[in-house]
Protein backbone atom coordinates (compact mmCIF):
# COMPACT_ATOMS: atom_id res chain seq x y z
CA GLN A 1 82.36 6.13 -41.08
CA HIS A 2 80.58 4.86 -38.36
CA LEU A 3 78.67 7.53 -36.48
CA HIS A 4 78.47 6.76 -32.36
CA GLN A 5 74.64 7.44 -31.50
CA HIS A 6 73.94 8.11 -28.24
CA ASN A 7 71.14 6.85 -25.93
CA THR A 8 67.93 9.71 -26.61
CA THR A 9 65.46 8.30 -24.87
CA PRO A 10 63.82 10.62 -22.37
CA ALA A 11 64.24 10.01 -18.66
CA PRO A 12 60.79 8.70 -16.79
CA ALA A 13 58.27 11.26 -16.04
CA ILE A 14 59.32 9.95 -11.67
CA LEU A 15 63.08 10.96 -12.04
CA LEU A 16 61.91 14.25 -13.53
CA LEU A 17 59.42 15.19 -10.95
CA ALA A 18 60.97 13.61 -7.61
CA PRO A 19 62.35 17.22 -7.42
CA ILE A 20 59.10 18.69 -6.48
CA MET A 21 56.84 15.58 -4.95
CA ALA A 22 59.79 15.93 -2.27
CA PRO A 23 58.50 18.91 -0.51
CA LEU A 24 55.10 18.00 -2.02
CA ARG A 25 55.27 15.32 0.54
CA SER A 26 56.84 16.89 3.37
CA LEU A 27 54.21 19.89 2.79
CA ILE A 28 50.88 16.62 2.70
CA CYS A 29 52.59 15.47 5.82
CA THR A 30 52.58 18.71 7.57
CA LEU A 31 48.77 19.58 6.64
CA ALA A 32 47.91 15.47 7.76
CA PHE A 33 48.86 15.93 11.29
CA ALA A 34 48.21 19.59 11.76
CA THR A 35 44.63 18.55 10.48
CA THR A 36 44.95 15.79 13.05
CA ALA A 37 45.94 16.96 15.68
CA THR A 38 43.46 19.73 15.86
CA ALA A 39 40.91 17.14 15.57
CA PHE A 40 41.33 15.39 19.00
CA THR A 41 42.27 18.63 21.31
CA THR A 42 39.53 20.42 23.45
CA ALA A 43 39.35 23.74 22.31
CA PRO A 44 36.34 24.62 20.60
CA ILE A 45 37.43 25.28 16.81
CA HIS A 46 34.59 27.95 15.47
CA GLN A 47 34.23 30.95 16.27
CA PRO A 48 31.01 32.24 18.75
CA ARG A 49 28.37 33.78 16.63
CA THR A 50 28.37 36.90 16.73
CA GLN A 51 25.26 37.60 13.70
CA GLN A 52 21.69 37.89 15.84
CA LEU A 53 18.89 36.04 16.00
CA SER A 54 15.71 36.34 13.55
CA PRO A 55 12.95 37.20 15.77
CA LEU A 56 11.09 33.79 14.36
CA TYR A 57 13.37 32.50 16.76
CA ALA A 58 14.66 34.01 19.18
CA SER A 59 11.73 35.77 21.84
CA ASP A 60 11.88 37.86 25.29
CA ASP A 61 9.24 35.61 26.18
CA LYS A 62 11.71 33.18 28.09
CA GLY A 63 8.87 30.89 27.50
CA GLY A 64 11.06 27.75 26.43
CA GLY A 65 13.84 26.72 22.90
CA SER A 66 13.86 27.68 19.69
CA ALA A 67 10.39 26.85 18.51
CA ILE A 68 8.62 29.11 16.19
CA ALA A 69 6.09 31.49 18.47
CA THR A 70 2.74 30.75 18.05
CA PRO A 71 -0.03 32.64 20.05
CA LYS A 72 -1.29 30.80 22.87
CA THR A 73 -4.51 31.08 22.89
CA LYS A 74 -4.95 29.99 19.56
CA GLN A 75 -3.16 26.01 21.53
CA ILE A 76 -5.64 26.86 23.76
CA THR A 77 -8.61 26.89 21.12
CA THR A 78 -7.70 23.83 18.90
CA THR A 79 -6.81 21.75 22.56
CA VAL A 80 -10.24 22.22 22.95
CA GLN A 81 -12.01 21.22 19.35
CA LYS A 82 -9.61 18.49 19.55
CA GLN A 83 -11.83 17.61 22.82
CA LYS A 84 -15.39 18.07 22.01
CA GLN A 85 -14.24 16.23 18.40
CA LYS A 86 -13.15 13.01 20.35
CA SER A 87 -16.16 13.39 22.84
CA GLU A 88 -18.80 13.80 19.58
CA GLN A 89 -16.38 10.37 18.61
CA LYS A 90 -17.26 8.65 21.76
CA LYS A 91 -21.42 9.22 21.95
CA LYS A 92 -21.54 8.32 18.28
CA PHE A 93 -20.53 4.09 18.61
CA LYS A 94 -21.26 3.79 21.98
CA PRO A 95 -22.99 0.32 21.27
CA SER A 96 -26.32 1.28 23.54
CA ASP A 97 -27.19 4.39 21.50
CA PRO A 98 -27.67 3.02 18.21
CA ASP A 99 -28.35 5.37 15.40
CA LEU A 100 -30.96 4.41 13.74
CA LYS A 101 -31.04 7.34 11.62
CA ASN A 102 -28.22 5.18 9.27
CA GLU A 103 -30.23 1.58 9.48
CA SER A 104 -32.93 2.13 6.90
CA ASP A 105 -30.36 4.56 4.59
CA PHE A 106 -29.02 0.79 3.18
CA GLU A 107 -30.81 -1.05 0.37
CA ASP A 108 -31.58 -4.26 -0.39
CA ALA A 109 -29.25 -5.69 -3.31
CA PRO A 110 -31.40 -6.36 -5.92
CA MET A 111 -31.14 -10.54 -5.79
CA PHE A 112 -31.52 -12.34 -9.43
CA ARG A 113 -32.94 -15.88 -10.43
CA LEU A 114 -30.63 -18.47 -11.47
CA TYR A 115 -32.30 -21.09 -13.16
CA LEU A 116 -30.70 -24.75 -14.74
CA ILE A 117 -31.36 -25.40 -17.90
CA GLY A 118 -32.31 -29.11 -18.78
CA ASP A 119 -30.99 -30.87 -21.94
CA GLU A 120 -31.33 -34.24 -23.36
CA GLY A 121 -27.90 -34.59 -23.69
CA ASP A 122 -26.64 -33.92 -20.16
CA ASP A 123 -25.20 -36.77 -17.98
CA GLN A 124 -26.98 -36.73 -14.24
CA GLU A 125 -24.20 -37.67 -12.32
CA HIS A 126 -21.91 -35.22 -13.96
CA VAL A 127 -24.68 -32.62 -13.17
CA VAL A 128 -25.07 -33.20 -9.61
CA THR A 129 -21.61 -33.38 -9.06
CA ARG A 130 -20.97 -29.69 -10.19
CA VAL A 131 -23.97 -28.24 -9.08
CA TYR A 132 -23.16 -29.61 -5.17
CA GLU A 133 -19.91 -28.35 -5.17
CA ILE A 134 -20.08 -25.44 -6.82
CA VAL A 135 -23.74 -23.47 -5.82
CA GLU A 136 -23.17 -23.85 -1.60
CA ASP A 137 -26.60 -23.82 -0.29
CA CYS A 138 -26.99 -26.89 -2.31
CA SER A 139 -27.16 -30.48 -1.05
CA GLU A 140 -26.40 -33.58 -3.58
CA ASP A 141 -30.22 -34.41 -2.45
CA ASP A 142 -31.16 -30.76 -4.23
CA ALA A 143 -28.72 -31.32 -6.81
CA ALA A 144 -30.02 -34.47 -8.30
CA THR A 145 -34.01 -33.49 -7.45
CA LEU A 146 -33.11 -30.44 -9.47
CA PHE A 147 -30.98 -31.65 -12.39
CA LYS A 148 -34.73 -33.70 -12.21
CA SER A 149 -37.12 -31.16 -12.38
CA ALA A 150 -34.88 -29.17 -15.17
CA TYR A 151 -34.30 -32.47 -17.51
CA GLN A 152 -38.65 -33.30 -17.01
CA THR A 153 -39.77 -29.62 -17.63
CA GLY A 154 -36.90 -27.59 -19.55
CA GLU A 155 -35.19 -25.70 -16.54
CA ALA A 156 -34.92 -25.22 -12.62
CA PHE A 157 -35.24 -22.41 -10.26
CA MET A 158 -31.92 -22.94 -8.29
CA GLY A 159 -31.80 -19.68 -5.77
CA LYS A 160 -32.30 -15.79 -5.18
CA TYR A 161 -28.85 -14.79 -4.52
CA PRO A 162 -27.01 -10.71 -5.47
CA ARG A 163 -26.43 -10.44 -9.03
CA GLU A 164 -22.85 -11.24 -8.59
CA ILE A 165 -22.60 -14.60 -6.75
CA ALA A 166 -25.44 -15.30 -8.88
CA GLU A 167 -23.78 -14.37 -11.81
CA MET A 168 -20.48 -16.68 -10.40
CA TYR A 169 -22.10 -19.68 -10.55
CA CYS A 170 -23.67 -19.64 -13.93
CA GLU A 171 -19.84 -19.22 -15.01
CA GLN A 172 -18.33 -21.67 -13.13
CA LEU A 173 -20.93 -24.46 -13.98
CA THR A 174 -21.16 -22.94 -18.05
CA ARG A 175 -17.28 -23.61 -17.53
CA SER A 176 -18.20 -27.66 -15.87
CA ASP A 177 -16.44 -30.24 -19.28
CA PRO A 178 -18.72 -31.39 -20.95
CA ILE A 179 -21.16 -27.78 -20.27
CA ILE A 180 -24.23 -26.94 -18.30
CA TYR A 181 -26.04 -25.65 -19.11
CA ALA A 182 -27.45 -22.58 -16.54
CA ASP A 183 -29.28 -18.84 -16.48
CA VAL A 184 -28.99 -15.85 -14.25
CA ARG A 185 -32.75 -13.75 -14.94
CA ASP A 186 -33.63 -10.85 -12.47
CA ASP A 187 -35.86 -11.18 -9.88
CA LYS A 188 -38.37 -8.55 -11.16
CA ASP A 189 -38.97 -10.31 -14.85
């Protein structure tokens, strides 16, 4: 009563494709050989051009290549204009002929006064050192004189500077540790 069972597992897919693969393989080899052989031949592959060229690229003028045709008078005009512009530029930048019109157009930057504000708690050595380090045109002796003046009168005039410079000096002095009080005032006041 025991039934004999047959093995019914399907054959691998590669075995089923074998009869189709052989002709396909030979066809691929043939195409590869034909392409390689054509690539190394000296015979032209492309057919000669039979269509007409556009009038933009072809001309009966025999004046030259495949550039877009432009009127010759326009080229001459632009060349003359460029030469005129160059000569005008050269005239403007001669050092022997200064342009006096531009010098009067500039105005001096508005100046601001920088003051050192005296505080009884200030340490003289600290203030003198920081003022000397921060303010460029100030010597150690000048810084000591400024400190004495600020201590005695409450403030000392340090100099006139453009706004950005004066504000930078003031900010650097007030960021010192311990703080050094300074003030920026408009020169007109």
